[in-house]
Amino acid sequence: MIPNVHTTVAESRLAITRPEKIIVNPSFISETHQNVTTVPGKDNEMLVNLTVSSTSGGSSSIHFKLFKEPELANCTREASPSGCTVDASVTNQTIRVPINASTTYYFRFDNTQSNSSKTVLFSLSLLTSSMSNYATRDGDLNLFGLGLSVLGVVVVAYGVAARTDIPWE
């Protein structure tokens, strides 16, 4: 019998930081950093949850940069920055970043182009996943079901072929 191979995916989510309010004043930059430790033997993703609001409480946007410690000098340059993992304007979103090594990550919120304060609700999680395969030998039941199906087809074919005529019709 040929074994059936089944694949299962196991995911777990670990909060690295609790939701934190970061106030970024007008014409200023706020930066925070966090050590992120990966789980060996699993696929690791960092989930960055950001919600940006203005001082009036309405939705707003801010320029966000995410980078690793080695890219600190390149990503924070004024002219043509490079090496940033994320370099975008954000409002209310979750950013998924695949990671493969434990290191320090920097989170920069740039409000230099605005004349009002912004509040950033920031949280960070680590999502790990792994796939496992296992083989089963459940082919015997499949073969039994196939045999019953063939028997059913034979009985139906016989019933159609041996149909008797009803005399009072």
N, C-alpha and C. Protein backbone atom coordinates (compact mmCIF):
# COMPACT_ATOMS: atom_id res chain seq x y z
N MET A 1 0.83 -1.18 0.00
CA MET A 1 0.00 0.00 0.00
C MET A 1 0.88 1.25 0.00
N ILE A 2 0.44 2.27 -0.70
CA ILE A 2 1.16 3.54 -0.74
C ILE A 2 0.70 4.38 0.45
N PRO A 3 1.62 4.89 1.25
CA PRO A 3 1.20 5.70 2.41
C PRO A 3 0.70 7.07 1.96
N ASN A 4 -0.25 7.61 2.72
CA ASN A 4 -0.74 8.97 2.49
C ASN A 4 0.09 9.91 3.35
N VAL A 5 0.57 10.98 2.74
CA VAL A 5 1.38 11.96 3.46
C VAL A 5 0.51 13.16 3.79
N HIS A 6 0.44 13.50 5.06
CA HIS A 6 -0.35 14.64 5.53
C HIS A 6 0.60 15.72 6.04
N THR A 7 0.27 16.99 5.75
CA THR A 7 1.08 18.11 6.19
C THR A 7 0.26 18.99 7.13
N THR A 8 0.84 19.33 8.26
CA THR A 8 0.17 20.24 9.20
C THR A 8 1.08 21.43 9.46
N VAL A 9 0.47 22.60 9.64
CA VAL A 9 1.21 23.82 9.95
C VAL A 9 0.87 24.22 11.38
N ALA A 10 1.90 24.41 12.17
CA ALA A 10 1.72 24.86 13.56
C ALA A 10 2.23 26.28 13.67
N GLU A 11 1.36 27.20 14.12
CA GLU A 11 1.74 28.60 14.28
C GLU A 11 1.59 29.00 15.74
N SER A 12 2.46 29.88 16.17
CA SER A 12 2.32 30.46 17.50
C SER A 12 2.70 31.93 17.43
N ARG A 13 2.08 32.71 18.30
CA ARG A 13 2.31 34.15 18.31
C ARG A 13 2.75 34.55 19.72
N LEU A 14 3.85 35.28 19.79
CA LEU A 14 4.41 35.70 21.06
C LEU A 14 4.51 37.22 21.06
N ALA A 15 3.87 37.86 22.02
CA ALA A 15 3.94 39.32 22.12
C ALA A 15 5.32 39.71 22.64
N ILE A 16 5.99 40.56 21.90
CA ILE A 16 7.31 41.04 22.31
C ILE A 16 7.15 42.31 23.14
N THR A 17 6.25 43.19 22.70
CA THR A 17 5.94 44.40 23.46
C THR A 17 4.44 44.52 23.62
N ARG A 18 4.03 45.10 24.70
CA ARG A 18 2.63 45.44 24.87
C ARG A 18 2.36 46.71 24.09
N PRO A 19 1.10 46.98 23.75
CA PRO A 19 0.82 48.23 23.04
C PRO A 19 1.37 49.43 23.81
N GLU A 20 2.10 50.25 23.10
CA GLU A 20 2.79 51.39 23.70
C GLU A 20 2.42 52.65 22.92
N LYS A 21 2.10 53.73 23.64
CA LYS A 21 1.80 55.01 22.99
C LYS A 21 3.08 55.81 22.87
N ILE A 22 3.35 56.23 21.65
CA ILE A 22 4.52 57.07 21.40
C ILE A 22 4.00 58.38 20.84
N ILE A 23 4.33 59.49 21.51
CA ILE A 23 3.90 60.81 21.05
C ILE A 23 5.07 61.42 20.29
N VAL A 24 4.80 61.82 19.03
CA VAL A 24 5.83 62.42 18.19
C VAL A 24 5.41 63.87 17.93
N ASN A 25 6.18 64.77 18.48
CA ASN A 25 5.88 66.20 18.34
C ASN A 25 6.14 66.67 16.91
N PRO A 26 5.53 67.80 16.53
CA PRO A 26 5.75 68.32 15.18
C PRO A 26 7.22 68.65 14.95
N SER A 27 7.68 68.36 13.75
CA SER A 27 9.06 68.61 13.31
C SER A 27 10.09 67.80 14.10
N PHE A 28 9.67 66.68 14.68
CA PHE A 28 10.58 65.82 15.44
C PHE A 28 10.54 64.39 14.91
N ILE A 29 11.55 63.62 15.36
CA ILE A 29 11.65 62.19 15.05
C ILE A 29 11.71 61.45 16.38
N SER A 30 10.96 60.39 16.49
CA SER A 30 11.01 59.53 17.66
C SER A 30 11.51 58.16 17.22
N GLU A 31 12.36 57.57 18.04
CA GLU A 31 12.93 56.28 17.67
C GLU A 31 12.96 55.37 18.89
N THR A 32 12.65 54.12 18.67
CA THR A 32 12.75 53.11 19.72
C THR A 32 13.40 51.88 19.11
N HIS A 33 13.94 51.03 19.94
CA HIS A 33 14.57 49.81 19.44
C HIS A 33 14.14 48.64 20.31
N GLN A 34 14.27 47.46 19.73
CA GLN A 34 13.84 46.25 20.43
C GLN A 34 14.70 45.08 19.98
N ASN A 35 15.18 44.29 20.94
CA ASN A 35 15.89 43.06 20.61
C ASN A 35 14.85 42.00 20.28
N VAL A 36 15.00 41.35 19.15
CA VAL A 36 14.08 40.30 18.73
C VAL A 36 14.87 39.01 18.59
N THR A 37 14.42 37.99 19.30
CA THR A 37 15.08 36.69 19.29
C THR A 37 14.22 35.71 18.49
N THR A 38 14.80 35.11 17.48
CA THR A 38 14.08 34.15 16.64
C THR A 38 14.06 32.78 17.31
N VAL A 39 13.15 31.94 16.84
CA VAL A 39 13.05 30.57 17.34
C VAL A 39 13.73 29.67 16.31
N PRO A 40 14.80 28.97 16.68
CA PRO A 40 15.52 28.14 15.72
C PRO A 40 14.65 27.00 15.18
N GLY A 41 14.83 26.69 13.90
CA GLY A 41 14.13 25.58 13.27
C GLY A 41 12.72 25.91 12.83
N LYS A 42 12.31 27.17 12.95
CA LYS A 42 10.97 27.57 12.55
C LYS A 42 11.07 28.80 11.65
N ASP A 43 10.00 29.04 10.88
CA ASP A 43 9.91 30.27 10.10
C ASP A 43 9.45 31.37 11.05
N ASN A 44 10.17 32.49 11.05
CA ASN A 44 9.90 33.58 11.98
C ASN A 44 9.47 34.82 11.20
N GLU A 45 8.42 35.48 11.70
CA GLU A 45 7.96 36.73 11.14
C GLU A 45 7.69 37.70 12.28
N MET A 46 8.11 38.93 12.07
CA MET A 46 7.83 39.97 13.04
C MET A 46 6.58 40.71 12.57
N LEU A 47 5.61 40.88 13.47
CA LEU A 47 4.38 41.60 13.17
C LEU A 47 4.44 42.93 13.89
N VAL A 48 4.44 44.01 13.12
CA VAL A 48 4.49 45.36 13.68
C VAL A 48 3.10 45.97 13.49
N ASN A 49 2.40 46.23 14.59
CA ASN A 49 1.07 46.83 14.54
C ASN A 49 1.19 48.32 14.84
N LEU A 50 0.70 49.14 13.92
CA LEU A 50 0.79 50.59 14.06
C LEU A 50 -0.58 51.23 13.86
N THR A 51 -0.93 52.14 14.76
CA THR A 51 -2.12 52.96 14.60
C THR A 51 -1.70 54.39 14.89
N VAL A 52 -1.88 55.26 13.89
CA VAL A 52 -1.44 56.65 14.01
C VAL A 52 -2.67 57.54 14.09
N SER A 53 -2.66 58.46 15.06
CA SER A 53 -3.76 59.41 15.18
C SER A 53 -3.21 60.80 15.46
N SER A 54 -4.00 61.80 15.12
CA SER A 54 -3.61 63.19 15.38
C SER A 54 -4.03 63.55 16.79
N THR A 55 -3.66 64.76 17.22
CA THR A 55 -4.01 65.19 18.57
C THR A 55 -5.52 65.30 18.75
N SER A 56 -6.27 65.52 17.66
CA SER A 56 -7.73 65.59 17.77
C SER A 56 -8.37 64.21 17.86
N GLY A 57 -7.58 63.16 17.68
CA GLY A 57 -8.10 61.79 17.79
C GLY A 57 -8.43 61.15 16.46
N GLY A 58 -8.40 61.91 15.38
CA GLY A 58 -8.68 61.36 14.05
C GLY A 58 -7.50 60.59 13.49
N SER A 59 -7.77 59.80 12.50
CA SER A 59 -6.73 59.02 11.85
C SER A 59 -5.74 59.95 11.15
N SER A 60 -4.47 59.58 11.18
CA SER A 60 -3.43 60.38 10.57
C SER A 60 -2.35 59.45 10.02
N SER A 61 -1.32 60.02 9.45
CA SER A 61 -0.22 59.20 8.93
C SER A 61 1.11 59.78 9.39
N ILE A 62 2.13 58.92 9.37
CA ILE A 62 3.47 59.32 9.77
C ILE A 62 4.46 58.50 8.94
N HIS A 63 5.65 59.04 8.73
CA HIS A 63 6.67 58.30 7.97
C HIS A 63 7.37 57.33 8.93
N PHE A 64 7.41 56.06 8.54
CA PHE A 64 7.93 55.00 9.40
C PHE A 64 9.10 54.30 8.72
N LYS A 65 10.17 54.08 9.50
CA LYS A 65 11.32 53.33 9.02
C LYS A 65 11.61 52.21 10.01
N LEU A 66 11.87 51.04 9.46
CA LEU A 66 12.26 49.87 10.24
C LEU A 66 13.57 49.37 9.67
N PHE A 67 14.55 49.18 10.55
CA PHE A 67 15.85 48.72 10.08
C PHE A 67 16.57 47.98 11.20
N LYS A 68 17.57 47.19 10.81
CA LYS A 68 18.39 46.45 11.76
C LYS A 68 19.55 47.33 12.22
N GLU A 69 20.17 46.92 13.29
CA GLU A 69 21.27 47.70 13.86
C GLU A 69 22.40 47.97 12.86
N PRO A 70 22.82 47.00 12.04
CA PRO A 70 23.91 47.28 11.10
C PRO A 70 23.56 48.34 10.04
N GLU A 71 22.27 48.54 9.75
CA GLU A 71 21.87 49.52 8.73
C GLU A 71 21.56 50.90 9.33
N LEU A 72 21.85 51.09 10.60
CA LEU A 72 21.52 52.33 11.29
C LEU A 72 22.07 53.55 10.56
N ALA A 73 23.32 53.55 10.19
CA ALA A 73 23.91 54.72 9.53
C ALA A 73 23.35 54.93 8.13
N ASN A 74 23.12 53.86 7.38
CA ASN A 74 22.63 54.00 6.00
C ASN A 74 21.17 54.41 5.93
N CYS A 75 20.33 53.83 6.76
CA CYS A 75 18.89 54.06 6.69
C CYS A 75 18.50 55.43 7.23
N THR A 76 19.30 55.99 8.13
CA THR A 76 18.94 57.27 8.74
C THR A 76 19.59 58.47 8.05
N ARG A 77 20.27 58.25 6.95
CA ARG A 77 20.86 59.38 6.21
C ARG A 77 19.76 60.28 5.68
N GLU A 78 20.04 61.58 5.63
CA GLU A 78 19.08 62.54 5.06
C GLU A 78 18.97 62.36 3.54
N ALA A 79 20.12 62.25 2.89
CA ALA A 79 20.14 62.13 1.42
C ALA A 79 20.25 60.66 1.04
N SER A 80 19.34 60.22 0.21
CA SER A 80 19.26 58.86 -0.33
C SER A 80 19.55 57.76 0.70
N PRO A 81 18.64 57.58 1.65
CA PRO A 81 18.82 56.50 2.62
C PRO A 81 18.68 55.13 1.94
N SER A 82 19.38 54.14 2.49
CA SER A 82 19.30 52.79 1.94
C SER A 82 19.41 51.79 3.08
N GLY A 83 19.02 50.55 2.80
CA GLY A 83 19.15 49.49 3.78
C GLY A 83 17.98 49.36 4.73
N CYS A 84 16.93 50.17 4.53
CA CYS A 84 15.77 50.08 5.42
C CYS A 84 14.94 48.86 5.04
N THR A 85 14.48 48.14 6.05
CA THR A 85 13.57 47.02 5.81
C THR A 85 12.21 47.56 5.40
N VAL A 86 11.75 48.62 6.07
CA VAL A 86 10.51 49.32 5.72
C VAL A 86 10.82 50.81 5.72
N ASP A 87 10.37 51.50 4.69
CA ASP A 87 10.52 52.95 4.58
C ASP A 87 9.27 53.46 3.88
N ALA A 88 8.21 53.78 4.68
CA ALA A 88 6.92 54.10 4.08
C ALA A 88 6.09 54.98 5.01
N SER A 89 5.09 55.61 4.45
CA SER A 89 4.12 56.36 5.22
C SER A 89 3.06 55.36 5.71
N VAL A 90 2.73 55.40 7.00
CA VAL A 90 1.78 54.44 7.57
C VAL A 90 0.66 55.18 8.29
N THR A 91 -0.49 54.52 8.37
CA THR A 91 -1.64 55.07 9.08
C THR A 91 -2.13 54.08 10.12
N ASN A 92 -2.73 53.01 9.66
CA ASN A 92 -3.28 51.99 10.54
C ASN A 92 -3.05 50.66 9.85
N GLN A 93 -2.00 49.98 10.21
CA GLN A 93 -1.69 48.74 9.51
C GLN A 93 -0.81 47.81 10.32
N THR A 94 -0.79 46.58 9.87
CA THR A 94 0.10 45.57 10.42
C THR A 94 1.11 45.23 9.34
N ILE A 95 2.36 45.34 9.68
CA ILE A 95 3.44 45.06 8.74
C ILE A 95 4.08 43.75 9.14
N ARG A 96 4.17 42.83 8.17
CA ARG A 96 4.78 41.52 8.39
C ARG A 96 6.18 41.53 7.80
N VAL A 97 7.16 41.21 8.63
CA VAL A 97 8.55 41.22 8.20
C VAL A 97 9.17 39.86 8.49
N PRO A 98 9.53 39.11 7.43
CA PRO A 98 10.22 37.84 7.67
C PRO A 98 11.60 38.10 8.27
N ILE A 99 11.95 37.37 9.30
CA ILE A 99 13.27 37.54 9.91
C ILE A 99 13.92 36.17 10.03
N ASN A 100 15.25 36.18 9.96
CA ASN A 100 15.97 34.91 10.03
C ASN A 100 17.09 34.90 11.04
N ALA A 101 17.28 36.02 11.76
CA ALA A 101 18.34 36.06 12.76
C ALA A 101 17.91 36.95 13.92
N SER A 102 18.40 36.62 15.09
CA SER A 102 18.14 37.44 16.27
C SER A 102 19.02 38.67 16.20
N THR A 103 18.43 39.84 16.37
CA THR A 103 19.18 41.09 16.32
C THR A 103 18.35 42.21 16.92
N THR A 104 18.91 43.40 16.94
CA THR A 104 18.19 44.58 17.41
C THR A 104 17.57 45.28 16.21
N TYR A 105 16.28 45.58 16.32
CA TYR A 105 15.55 46.30 15.28
C TYR A 105 15.21 47.69 15.79
N TYR A 106 15.30 48.67 14.87
CA TYR A 106 14.99 50.06 15.20
C TYR A 106 13.71 50.47 14.49
N PHE A 107 12.89 51.23 15.21
CA PHE A 107 11.60 51.70 14.70
C PHE A 107 11.63 53.22 14.80
N ARG A 108 11.60 53.89 13.65
CA ARG A 108 11.72 55.35 13.61
C ARG A 108 10.43 55.96 13.07
N PHE A 109 9.92 56.94 13.80
CA PHE A 109 8.71 57.65 13.42
C PHE A 109 9.09 59.10 13.13
N ASP A 110 8.97 59.50 11.87
CA ASP A 110 9.41 60.81 11.41
C ASP A 110 8.21 61.72 11.21
N ASN A 111 8.13 62.77 12.03
CA ASN A 111 7.03 63.73 11.95
C ASN A 111 7.56 65.12 11.57
N THR A 112 8.70 65.16 10.88
CA THR A 112 9.32 66.45 10.54
C THR A 112 8.53 67.23 9.49
N GLN A 113 7.70 66.57 8.71
CA GLN A 113 6.95 67.26 7.66
C GLN A 113 5.57 67.73 8.13
N SER A 114 5.29 67.60 9.41
CA SER A 114 3.97 67.95 9.93
C SER A 114 4.08 69.08 10.96
N ASN A 115 2.99 69.82 11.11
CA ASN A 115 2.97 70.89 12.11
C ASN A 115 2.03 70.55 13.28
N SER A 116 1.66 69.27 13.40
CA SER A 116 0.84 68.83 14.54
C SER A 116 1.42 67.54 15.12
N SER A 117 1.18 67.35 16.40
CA SER A 117 1.67 66.13 17.08
C SER A 117 0.90 64.91 16.60
N LYS A 118 1.56 63.78 16.63
CA LYS A 118 0.94 62.50 16.25
C LYS A 118 1.14 61.52 17.41
N THR A 119 0.14 60.68 17.62
CA THR A 119 0.23 59.61 18.61
C THR A 119 0.28 58.29 17.85
N VAL A 120 1.30 57.50 18.15
CA VAL A 120 1.47 56.20 17.49
C VAL A 120 1.25 55.12 18.54
N LEU A 121 0.27 54.27 18.30
CA LEU A 121 0.07 53.09 19.14
C LEU A 121 0.85 51.96 18.47
N PHE A 122 1.86 51.46 19.16
CA PHE A 122 2.84 50.55 18.58
C PHE A 122 2.90 49.27 19.40
N SER A 123 2.82 48.12 18.72
CA SER A 123 3.05 46.84 19.39
C SER A 123 3.80 45.91 18.44
N LEU A 124 4.46 44.95 19.02
CA LEU A 124 5.34 44.07 18.26
C LEU A 124 5.12 42.63 18.72
N SER A 125 5.00 41.71 17.75
CA SER A 125 4.82 40.28 18.05
C SER A 125 5.74 39.46 17.16
N LEU A 126 6.02 38.26 17.61
CA LEU A 126 6.79 37.31 16.81
C LEU A 126 5.87 36.16 16.45
N LEU A 127 5.72 35.91 15.16
CA LEU A 127 4.89 34.82 14.66
C LEU A 127 5.83 33.73 14.18
N THR A 128 5.72 32.55 14.77
CA THR A 128 6.56 31.42 14.33
C THR A 128 5.66 30.35 13.75
N SER A 129 6.17 29.70 12.72
CA SER A 129 5.40 28.61 12.11
C SER A 129 6.35 27.50 11.69
N SER A 130 5.82 26.30 11.71
CA SER A 130 6.59 25.15 11.25
C SER A 130 5.64 24.17 10.59
N MET A 131 6.16 23.45 9.63
CA MET A 131 5.37 22.44 8.93
C MET A 131 5.90 21.07 9.32
N SER A 132 4.98 20.16 9.57
CA SER A 132 5.38 18.79 9.85
C SER A 132 4.61 17.85 8.94
N ASN A 133 5.29 16.85 8.47
CA ASN A 133 4.70 15.85 7.59
C ASN A 133 4.64 14.52 8.34
N TYR A 134 3.56 13.81 8.16
CA TYR A 134 3.49 12.47 8.71
C TYR A 134 2.76 11.58 7.72
N ALA A 135 3.17 10.34 7.70
CA ALA A 135 2.61 9.37 6.76
C ALA A 135 1.67 8.42 7.49
N THR A 136 0.55 8.14 6.87
CA THR A 136 -0.40 7.18 7.44
C THR A 136 -0.63 6.08 6.42
N ARG A 137 -1.02 4.96 6.93
CA ARG A 137 -1.33 3.83 6.05
C ARG A 137 -2.83 3.56 6.13
N ASP A 138 -3.60 4.54 5.69
CA ASP A 138 -5.05 4.39 5.71
C ASP A 138 -5.57 3.97 4.34
N GLY A 139 -4.70 3.41 3.51
CA GLY A 139 -5.09 2.96 2.19
C GLY A 139 -6.03 1.76 2.22
N ASP A 140 -5.99 0.94 3.30
CA ASP A 140 -6.87 -0.22 3.40
C ASP A 140 -8.33 0.21 3.41
N LEU A 141 -8.64 1.26 4.15
CA LEU A 141 -10.02 1.76 4.19
C LEU A 141 -10.44 2.33 2.83
N ASN A 142 -9.50 3.00 2.17
CA ASN A 142 -9.81 3.54 0.84
C ASN A 142 -10.12 2.39 -0.14
N LEU A 143 -9.36 1.31 -0.06
CA LEU A 143 -9.57 0.17 -0.94
C LEU A 143 -10.91 -0.50 -0.63
N PHE A 144 -11.27 -0.60 0.65
CA PHE A 144 -12.56 -1.18 1.04
C PHE A 144 -13.71 -0.33 0.48
N GLY A 145 -13.60 0.99 0.60
CA GLY A 145 -14.63 1.90 0.06
C GLY A 145 -14.75 1.79 -1.45
N LEU A 146 -13.63 1.65 -2.14
CA LEU A 146 -13.65 1.50 -3.59
C LEU A 146 -14.34 0.20 -3.98
N GLY A 147 -14.07 -0.88 -3.24
CA GLY A 147 -14.73 -2.16 -3.51
C GLY A 147 -16.23 -2.08 -3.33
N LEU A 148 -16.70 -1.40 -2.28
CA LEU A 148 -18.13 -1.22 -2.08
C LEU A 148 -18.76 -0.39 -3.20
N SER A 149 -18.05 0.60 -3.69
CA SER A 149 -18.56 1.42 -4.80
C SER A 149 -18.74 0.57 -6.06
N VAL A 150 -17.77 -0.28 -6.35
CA VAL A 150 -17.86 -1.15 -7.54
C VAL A 150 -19.04 -2.10 -7.38
N LEU A 151 -19.22 -2.67 -6.20
CA LEU A 151 -20.36 -3.56 -5.95
C LEU A 151 -21.68 -2.82 -6.15
N GLY A 152 -21.77 -1.58 -5.68
CA GLY A 152 -22.98 -0.77 -5.87
C GLY A 152 -23.28 -0.52 -7.33
N VAL A 153 -22.26 -0.24 -8.12
CA VAL A 153 -22.45 -0.02 -9.56
C VAL A 153 -22.96 -1.29 -10.23
N VAL A 154 -22.43 -2.45 -9.85
CA VAL A 154 -22.87 -3.72 -10.43
C VAL A 154 -24.33 -3.98 -10.08
N VAL A 155 -24.74 -3.75 -8.84
CA VAL A 155 -26.13 -3.96 -8.43
C VAL A 155 -27.07 -3.04 -9.19
N VAL A 156 -26.71 -1.77 -9.35
CA VAL A 156 -27.55 -0.82 -10.10
C VAL A 156 -27.65 -1.24 -11.56
N ALA A 157 -26.52 -1.65 -12.16
CA ALA A 157 -26.54 -2.07 -13.57
C ALA A 157 -27.43 -3.29 -13.75
N TYR A 158 -27.36 -4.25 -12.83
CA TYR A 158 -28.22 -5.44 -12.90
C TYR A 158 -29.69 -5.04 -12.77
N GLY A 159 -29.98 -4.14 -11.82
CA GLY A 159 -31.35 -3.70 -11.62
C GLY A 159 -31.93 -3.02 -12.84
N VAL A 160 -31.15 -2.23 -13.54
CA VAL A 160 -31.63 -1.56 -14.75
C VAL A 160 -31.82 -2.57 -15.88
N ALA A 161 -30.88 -3.51 -16.03
CA ALA A 161 -30.96 -4.47 -17.12
C ALA A 161 -32.07 -5.49 -16.90
N ALA A 162 -32.33 -5.90 -15.68
CA ALA A 162 -33.31 -6.94 -15.40
C ALA A 162 -34.67 -6.35 -15.03
N ARG A 163 -34.92 -5.17 -15.44
CA ARG A 163 -36.18 -4.50 -15.12
C ARG A 163 -37.35 -5.30 -15.69
N THR A 164 -38.31 -5.52 -14.83
CA THR A 164 -39.49 -6.26 -15.30
C THR A 164 -40.57 -5.29 -15.73
N ASP A 165 -41.38 -5.76 -16.68
CA ASP A 165 -42.50 -4.92 -17.12
C ASP A 165 -43.66 -5.14 -16.19
N ILE A 166 -44.30 -4.10 -15.82
CA ILE A 166 -45.47 -4.19 -14.96
C ILE A 166 -46.67 -4.26 -15.89
N PRO A 167 -47.49 -5.37 -15.80
CA PRO A 167 -48.56 -5.61 -16.77
C PRO A 167 -49.69 -4.59 -16.72
N TRP A 168 -50.00 -3.96 -15.65
CA TRP A 168 -51.15 -3.05 -15.59
C TRP A 168 -50.82 -1.66 -16.08
N GLU A 169 -49.64 -1.40 -16.59
CA GLU A 169 -49.32 -0.07 -17.13
C GLU A 169 -49.74 0.04 -18.56
